Amino acid sequence: MRSEEVVSNGRMVLIFKGRNASDPLYRESCHYWSLLTDSLLDLVSEGIVKESDVDSFNLPCNKTTVNFVVSLSRK
């Protein structure tokens, strides 16, 4: 359960990003992963984050379509 992963004084990143394509592996979805990777590696090189923390970093991701969000909002 996610509640077991939450720790006192921990950090959480919430990114809300939708997608236009129905295929979740469509190339438009990869840009944010590249930005996140670059950012984490910069934090390691600056000594702010340990490399072992990046290696164990877990980021659940669910990118939904506009149609799905609209259907949820109408319920």
PDB file of N, CA and C in Angstrom:
ATOM      1  N   MET A   1       0.826  -1.183   0.000  1.00  0.00           N
ATOM      2  CA  MET A   1       0.000   0.000   0.000  1.00  0.00           C
ATOM      3  C   MET A   1       0.873   1.249   0.000  1.00  0.00           C
ATOM      4  N   ARG A   2       0.407   2.276  -0.667  1.00  0.00           N
ATOM      5  CA  ARG A   2       1.156   3.523  -0.734  1.00  0.00           C
ATOM      6  C   ARG A   2       1.383   4.130   0.653  1.00  0.00           C
ATOM      7  N   SER A   3       0.437   3.964   1.557  1.00  0.00           N
ATOM      8  CA  SER A   3       0.584   4.558   2.891  1.00  0.00           C
ATOM      9  C   SER A   3       1.807   4.014   3.612  1.00  0.00           C
ATOM     10  N   GLU A   4       2.228   2.808   3.280  1.00  0.00           N
ATOM     11  CA  GLU A   4       3.418   2.225   3.909  1.00  0.00           C
ATOM     12  C   GLU A   4       4.693   2.859   3.370  1.00  0.00           C
ATOM     13  N   GLU A   5       4.608   3.474   2.199  1.00  0.00           N
ATOM     14  CA  GLU A   5       5.783   4.100   1.597  1.00  0.00           C
ATOM     15  C   GLU A   5       5.998   5.526   2.087  1.00  0.00           C
ATOM     16  N   VAL A   6       5.002   6.118   2.695  1.00  0.00           N
ATOM     17  CA  VAL A   6       5.112   7.496   3.176  1.00  0.00           C
ATOM     18  C   VAL A   6       5.900   7.497   4.480  1.00  0.00           C
ATOM     19  N   VAL A   7       6.905   8.359   4.546  1.00  0.00           N
ATOM     20  CA  VAL A   7       7.744   8.435   5.735  1.00  0.00           C
ATOM     21  C   VAL A   7       7.743   9.858   6.277  1.00  0.00           C
ATOM     22  N   SER A   8       7.976   9.972   7.555  1.00  0.00           N
ATOM     23  CA  SER A   8       8.049  11.279   8.192  1.00  0.00           C
ATOM     24  C   SER A   8       9.158  12.115   7.543  1.00  0.00           C
ATOM     25  N   ASN A   9       8.871  13.350   7.244  1.00  0.00           N
ATOM     26  CA  ASN A   9       9.817  14.277   6.596  1.00  0.00           C
ATOM     27  C   ASN A   9      10.245  13.814   5.207  1.00  0.00           C
ATOM     28  N   GLY A  10       9.456  12.934   4.586  1.00  0.00           N
ATOM     29  CA  GLY A  10       9.772  12.464   3.243  1.00  0.00           C
ATOM     30  C   GLY A  10       9.342  13.480   2.192  1.00  0.00           C
ATOM     31  N   ARG A  11       9.565  13.146   0.961  1.00  0.00           N
ATOM     32  CA  ARG A  11       9.197  14.019  -0.154  1.00  0.00           C
ATOM     33  C   ARG A  11       8.290  13.245  -1.095  1.00  0.00           C
ATOM     34  N   MET A  12       7.390  13.959  -1.738  1.00  0.00           N
ATOM     35  CA  MET A  12       6.512  13.348  -2.715  1.00  0.00           C
ATOM     36  C   MET A  12       6.390  14.293  -3.901  1.00  0.00           C
ATOM     37  N   VAL A  13       6.477  13.740  -5.083  1.00  0.00           N
ATOM     38  CA  VAL A  13       6.320  14.523  -6.297  1.00  0.00           C
ATOM     39  C   VAL A  13       5.021  14.087  -6.957  1.00  0.00           C
ATOM     40  N   LEU A  14       4.152  15.039  -7.211  1.00  0.00           N
ATOM     41  CA  LEU A  14       2.907  14.757  -7.906  1.00  0.00           C
ATOM     42  C   LEU A  14       2.947  15.470  -9.249  1.00  0.00           C
ATOM     43  N   ILE A  15       2.799  14.707 -10.302  1.00  0.00           N
ATOM     44  CA  ILE A  15       2.773  15.272 -11.642  1.00  0.00           C
ATOM     45  C   ILE A  15       1.472  14.837 -12.291  1.00  0.00           C
ATOM     46  N   PHE A  16       0.678  15.801 -12.696  1.00  0.00           N
ATOM     47  CA  PHE A  16      -0.572  15.487 -13.365  1.00  0.00           C
ATOM     48  C   PHE A  16      -0.401  15.808 -14.841  1.00  0.00           C
ATOM     49  N   LYS A  17      -0.277  14.779 -15.624  1.00  0.00           N
ATOM     50  CA  LYS A  17      -0.068  14.972 -17.055  1.00  0.00           C
ATOM     51  C   LYS A  17      -0.973  14.014 -17.799  1.00  0.00           C
ATOM     52  N   GLY A  18      -1.717  14.560 -18.696  1.00  0.00           N
ATOM     53  CA  GLY A  18      -2.562  13.734 -19.540  1.00  0.00           C
ATOM     54  C   GLY A  18      -1.860  13.453 -20.854  1.00  0.00           C
ATOM     55  N   ARG A  19      -2.547  12.788 -21.739  1.00  0.00           N
ATOM     56  CA  ARG A  19      -1.983  12.508 -23.054  1.00  0.00           C
ATOM     57  C   ARG A  19      -3.082  12.570 -24.101  1.00  0.00           C
ATOM     58  N   ASN A  20      -2.701  12.905 -25.306  1.00  0.00           N
ATOM     59  CA  ASN A  20      -3.662  12.979 -26.407  1.00  0.00           C
ATOM     60  C   ASN A  20      -3.835  11.637 -27.096  1.00  0.00           C
ATOM     61  N   ALA A  21      -2.774  10.866 -27.185  1.00  0.00           N
ATOM     62  CA  ALA A  21      -2.819   9.587 -27.893  1.00  0.00           C
ATOM     63  C   ALA A  21      -3.376   8.498 -26.985  1.00  0.00           C
ATOM     64  N   SER A  22      -4.068   7.540 -27.578  1.00  0.00           N
ATOM     65  CA  SER A  22      -4.605   6.435 -26.784  1.00  0.00           C
ATOM     66  C   SER A  22      -3.509   5.449 -26.387  1.00  0.00           C
ATOM     67  N   ASP A  23      -2.394   5.455 -27.106  1.00  0.00           N
ATOM     68  CA  ASP A  23      -1.278   4.550 -26.805  1.00  0.00           C
ATOM     69  C   ASP A  23      -0.401   5.166 -25.716  1.00  0.00           C
ATOM     70  N   PRO A  24      -0.312   4.533 -24.516  1.00  0.00           N
ATOM     71  CA  PRO A  24       0.484   5.113 -23.425  1.00  0.00           C
ATOM     72  C   PRO A  24       1.985   5.137 -23.710  1.00  0.00           C
ATOM     73  N   LEU A  25       2.440   4.399 -24.710  1.00  0.00           N
ATOM     74  CA  LEU A  25       3.862   4.374 -25.054  1.00  0.00           C
ATOM     75  C   LEU A  25       4.209   5.330 -26.190  1.00  0.00           C
ATOM     76  N   TYR A  26       3.262   6.147 -26.595  1.00  0.00           N
ATOM     77  CA  TYR A  26       3.490   7.109 -27.671  1.00  0.00           C
ATOM     78  C   TYR A  26       4.631   8.050 -27.292  1.00  0.00           C
ATOM     79  N   ARG A  27       5.413   8.466 -28.248  1.00  0.00           N
ATOM     80  CA  ARG A  27       6.652   9.214 -27.997  1.00  0.00           C
ATOM     81  C   ARG A  27       6.456  10.509 -27.206  1.00  0.00           C
ATOM     82  N   GLU A  28       5.284  11.132 -27.261  1.00  0.00           N
ATOM     83  CA  GLU A  28       5.077  12.384 -26.529  1.00  0.00           C
ATOM     84  C   GLU A  28       5.197  12.181 -25.016  1.00  0.00           C
ATOM     85  N   SER A  29       5.015  10.959 -24.560  1.00  0.00           N
ATOM     86  CA  SER A  29       5.041  10.679 -23.130  1.00  0.00           C
ATOM     87  C   SER A  29       6.458  10.585 -22.576  1.00  0.00           C
ATOM     88  N   CYS A  30       7.438  10.421 -23.417  1.00  0.00           N
ATOM     89  CA  CYS A  30       8.815  10.177 -22.963  1.00  0.00           C
ATOM     90  C   CYS A  30       9.558  11.435 -22.543  1.00  0.00           C
ATOM     91  N   HIS A  31       9.141  12.593 -23.003  1.00  0.00           N
ATOM     92  CA  HIS A  31       9.870  13.836 -22.731  1.00  0.00           C
ATOM     93  C   HIS A  31       9.990  14.098 -21.233  1.00  0.00           C
ATOM     94  N   TYR A  32       8.914  13.887 -20.491  1.00  0.00           N
ATOM     95  CA  TYR A  32       8.954  14.152 -19.057  1.00  0.00           C
ATOM     96  C   TYR A  32       9.874  13.198 -18.322  1.00  0.00           C
ATOM     97  N   TRP A  33       9.961  11.962 -18.800  1.00  0.00           N
ATOM     98  CA  TRP A  33      10.882  11.014 -18.168  1.00  0.00           C
ATOM     99  C   TRP A  33      12.321  11.468 -18.358  1.00  0.00           C
ATOM    100  N   SER A  34      12.629  11.998 -19.534  1.00  0.00           N
ATOM    101  CA  SER A  34      13.982  12.510 -19.788  1.00  0.00           C
ATOM    102  C   SER A  34      14.300  13.688 -18.880  1.00  0.00           C
ATOM    103  N   LEU A  35      13.337  14.595 -18.712  1.00  0.00           N
ATOM    104  CA  LEU A  35      13.551  15.742 -17.817  1.00  0.00           C
ATOM    105  C   LEU A  35      13.757  15.290 -16.384  1.00  0.00           C
ATOM    106  N   LEU A  36      12.967  14.332 -15.933  1.00  0.00           N
ATOM    107  CA  LEU A  36      13.103  13.826 -14.568  1.00  0.00           C
ATOM    108  C   LEU A  36      14.454  13.149 -14.377  1.00  0.00           C
ATOM    109  N   THR A  37      14.858  12.350 -15.339  1.00  0.00           N
ATOM    110  CA  THR A  37      16.156  11.676 -15.270  1.00  0.00           C
ATOM    111  C   THR A  37      17.287  12.691 -15.176  1.00  0.00           C
ATOM    112  N   ASP A  38      17.266  13.679 -16.049  1.00  0.00           N
ATOM    113  CA  ASP A  38      18.311  14.712 -16.033  1.00  0.00           C
ATOM    114  C   ASP A  38      18.331  15.455 -14.702  1.00  0.00           C
ATOM    115  N   SER A  39      17.160  15.761 -14.180  1.00  0.00           N
ATOM    116  CA  SER A  39      17.075  16.489 -12.909  1.00  0.00           C
ATOM    117  C   SER A  39      17.635  15.670 -11.756  1.00  0.00           C
ATOM    118  N   LEU A  40      17.272  14.401 -11.699  1.00  0.00           N
ATOM    119  CA  LEU A  40      17.782  13.542 -10.626  1.00  0.00           C
ATOM    120  C   LEU A  40      19.299  13.376 -10.716  1.00  0.00           C
ATOM    121  N   LEU A  41      19.809  13.192 -11.916  1.00  0.00           N
ATOM    122  CA  LEU A  41      21.256  13.043 -12.076  1.00  0.00           C
ATOM    123  C   LEU A  41      21.998  14.335 -11.731  1.00  0.00           C
ATOM    124  N   ASP A  42      21.390  15.483 -12.012  1.00  0.00           N
ATOM    125  CA  ASP A  42      21.988  16.761 -11.596  1.00  0.00           C
ATOM    126  C   ASP A  42      22.059  16.851 -10.074  1.00  0.00           C
ATOM    127  N   LEU A  43      20.996  16.418  -9.396  1.00  0.00           N
ATOM    128  CA  LEU A  43      20.992  16.445  -7.931  1.00  0.00           C
ATOM    129  C   LEU A  43      22.070  15.526  -7.359  1.00  0.00           C
ATOM    130  N   VAL A  44      22.319  14.403  -8.017  1.00  0.00           N
ATOM    131  CA  VAL A  44      23.389  13.502  -7.582  1.00  0.00           C
ATOM    132  C   VAL A  44      24.740  14.170  -7.772  1.00  0.00           C
ATOM    133  N   SER A  45      24.946  14.766  -8.943  1.00  0.00           N
ATOM    134  CA  SER A  45      26.252  15.390  -9.223  1.00  0.00           C
ATOM    135  C   SER A  45      26.537  16.570  -8.306  1.00  0.00           C
ATOM    136  N   GLU A  46      25.486  17.218  -7.802  1.00  0.00           N
ATOM    137  CA  GLU A  46      25.657  18.333  -6.867  1.00  0.00           C
ATOM    138  C   GLU A  46      25.740  17.862  -5.419  1.00  0.00           C
ATOM    139  N   GLY A  47      25.616  16.555  -5.201  1.00  0.00           N
ATOM    140  CA  GLY A  47      25.721  16.010  -3.851  1.00  0.00           C
ATOM    141  C   GLY A  47      24.476  16.201  -3.003  1.00  0.00           C
ATOM    142  N   ILE A  48      23.377  16.581  -3.606  1.00  0.00           N
ATOM    143  CA  ILE A  48      22.131  16.818  -2.875  1.00  0.00           C
ATOM    144  C   ILE A  48      21.393  15.508  -2.621  1.00  0.00           C
ATOM    145  N   VAL A  49      21.500  14.587  -3.581  1.00  0.00           N
ATOM    146  CA  VAL A  49      20.835  13.290  -3.497  1.00  0.00           C
ATOM    147  C   VAL A  49      21.889  12.205  -3.697  1.00  0.00           C
ATOM    148  N   LYS A  50      21.768  11.111  -2.938  1.00  0.00           N
ATOM    149  CA  LYS A  50      22.695   9.992  -3.099  1.00  0.00           C
ATOM    150  C   LYS A  50      22.303   9.161  -4.322  1.00  0.00           C
ATOM    151  N   GLU A  51      23.318   8.656  -5.011  1.00  0.00           N
ATOM    152  CA  GLU A  51      23.057   7.843  -6.193  1.00  0.00           C
ATOM    153  C   GLU A  51      22.237   6.600  -5.845  1.00  0.00           C
ATOM    154  N   SER A  52      22.468   6.038  -4.674  1.00  0.00           N
ATOM    155  CA  SER A  52      21.699   4.857  -4.264  1.00  0.00           C
ATOM    156  C   SER A  52      20.219   5.187  -4.105  1.00  0.00           C
ATOM    157  N   ASP A  53      19.906   6.430  -3.712  1.00  0.00           N
ATOM    158  CA  ASP A  53      18.508   6.840  -3.612  1.00  0.00           C
ATOM    159  C   ASP A  53      17.854   6.931  -4.991  1.00  0.00           C
ATOM    160  N   VAL A  54      18.618   7.393  -5.970  1.00  0.00           N
ATOM    161  CA  VAL A  54      18.089   7.466  -7.334  1.00  0.00           C
ATOM    162  C   VAL A  54      17.876   6.050  -7.873  1.00  0.00           C
ATOM    163  N   ASP A  55      18.825   5.155  -7.580  1.00  0.00           N
ATOM    164  CA  ASP A  55      18.704   3.777  -8.061  1.00  0.00           C
ATOM    165  C   ASP A  55      17.488   3.075  -7.480  1.00  0.00           C
ATOM    166  N   SER A  56      17.069   3.478  -6.286  1.00  0.00           N
ATOM    167  CA  SER A  56      15.918   2.837  -5.658  1.00  0.00           C
ATOM    168  C   SER A  56      14.636   3.660  -5.821  1.00  0.00           C
ATOM    169  N   PHE A  57      14.706   4.725  -6.602  1.00  0.00           N
ATOM    170  CA  PHE A  57      13.565   5.623  -6.804  1.00  0.00           C
ATOM    171  C   PHE A  57      12.436   4.881  -7.498  1.00  0.00           C
ATOM    172  N   ASN A  58      11.235   4.988  -6.953  1.00  0.00           N
ATOM    173  CA  ASN A  58      10.052   4.328  -7.507  1.00  0.00           C
ATOM    174  C   ASN A  58       9.023   5.395  -7.830  1.00  0.00           C
ATOM    175  N   LEU A  59       8.600   5.433  -9.073  1.00  0.00           N
ATOM    176  CA  LEU A  59       7.636   6.435  -9.487  1.00  0.00           C
ATOM    177  C   LEU A  59       6.468   5.776 -10.206  1.00  0.00           C
ATOM    178  N   PRO A  60       5.419   5.459  -9.457  1.00  0.00           N
ATOM    179  CA  PRO A  60       4.231   4.923 -10.116  1.00  0.00           C
ATOM    180  C   PRO A  60       3.677   5.971 -11.083  1.00  0.00           C
ATOM    181  N   CYS A  61       3.204   5.525 -12.206  1.00  0.00           N
ATOM    182  CA  CYS A  61       2.733   6.467 -13.214  1.00  0.00           C
ATOM    183  C   CYS A  61       1.456   5.960 -13.861  1.00  0.00           C
ATOM    184  N   ASN A  62       0.500   6.841 -13.980  1.00  0.00           N
ATOM    185  CA  ASN A  62      -0.739   6.530 -14.679  1.00  0.00           C
ATOM    186  C   ASN A  62      -1.116   7.755 -15.496  1.00  0.00           C
ATOM    187  N   LYS A  63      -0.839   7.704 -16.770  1.00  0.00           N
ATOM    188  CA  LYS A  63      -1.205   8.813 -17.653  1.00  0.00           C
ATOM    189  C   LYS A  63      -2.486   8.451 -18.373  1.00  0.00           C
ATOM    190  N   THR A  64      -3.499   9.173 -18.083  1.00  0.00           N
ATOM    191  CA  THR A  64      -4.809   8.862 -18.627  1.00  0.00           C
ATOM    192  C   THR A  64      -5.141   9.746 -19.820  1.00  0.00           C
ATOM    193  N   THR A  65      -6.196   9.408 -20.498  1.00  0.00           N
ATOM    194  CA  THR A  65      -6.637  10.201 -21.648  1.00  0.00           C
ATOM    195  C   THR A  65      -7.655  11.244 -21.198  1.00  0.00           C
ATOM    196  N   VAL A  66      -7.827  12.257 -22.018  1.00  0.00           N
ATOM    197  CA  VAL A  66      -8.803  13.305 -21.738  1.00  0.00           C
ATOM    198  C   VAL A  66     -10.202  12.697 -21.633  1.00  0.00           C
ATOM    199  N   ASN A  67     -10.514  11.783 -22.517  1.00  0.00           N
ATOM    200  CA  ASN A  67     -11.841  11.160 -22.503  1.00  0.00           C
ATOM    201  C   ASN A  67     -12.116  10.452 -21.187  1.00  0.00           C
ATOM    202  N   PHE A  68     -11.121   9.802 -20.620  1.00  0.00           N
ATOM    203  CA  PHE A  68     -11.312   9.104 -19.351  1.00  0.00           C
ATOM    204  C   PHE A  68     -11.576  10.089 -18.215  1.00  0.00           C
ATOM    205  N   VAL A  69     -10.820  11.181 -18.185  1.00  0.00           N
ATOM    206  CA  VAL A  69     -11.016  12.194 -17.140  1.00  0.00           C
ATOM    207  C   VAL A  69     -12.398  12.822 -17.272  1.00  0.00           C
ATOM    208  N   VAL A  70     -12.806  13.117 -18.491  1.00  0.00           N
ATOM    209  CA  VAL A  70     -14.137  13.695 -18.719  1.00  0.00           C
ATOM    210  C   VAL A  70     -15.215  12.723 -18.250  1.00  0.00           C
ATOM    211  N   SER A  71     -15.056  11.450 -18.566  1.00  0.00           N
ATOM    212  CA  SER A  71     -16.064  10.472 -18.150  1.00  0.00           C
ATOM    213  C   SER A  71     -16.134  10.365 -16.622  1.00  0.00           C
ATOM    214  N   LEU A  72     -14.994  10.454 -15.951  1.00  0.00           N
ATOM    215  CA  LEU A  72     -14.998  10.439 -14.482  1.00  0.00           C
ATOM    216  C   LEU A  72     -15.676  11.678 -13.900  1.00  0.00           C
ATOM    217  N   SER A  73     -15.429  12.823 -14.524  1.00  0.00           N
ATOM    218  CA  SER A  73     -15.985  14.065 -13.996  1.00  0.00           C
ATOM    219  C   SER A  73     -17.495  14.135 -14.178  1.00  0.00           C
ATOM    220  N   ARG A  74     -18.021  13.354 -15.094  1.00  0.00           N
ATOM    221  CA  ARG A  74     -19.477  13.355 -15.330  1.00  0.00           C
ATOM    222  C   ARG A  74     -20.219  12.390 -14.419  1.00  0.00           C
ATOM    223  N   LYS A  75     -19.483  11.571 -13.674  1.00  0.00           N
ATOM    224  CA  LYS A  75     -20.129  10.607 -12.766  1.00  0.00           C
ATOM    225  C   LYS A  75     -20.611  11.267 -11.497  1.00  0.00           C
TER     226      LYS A  75
END
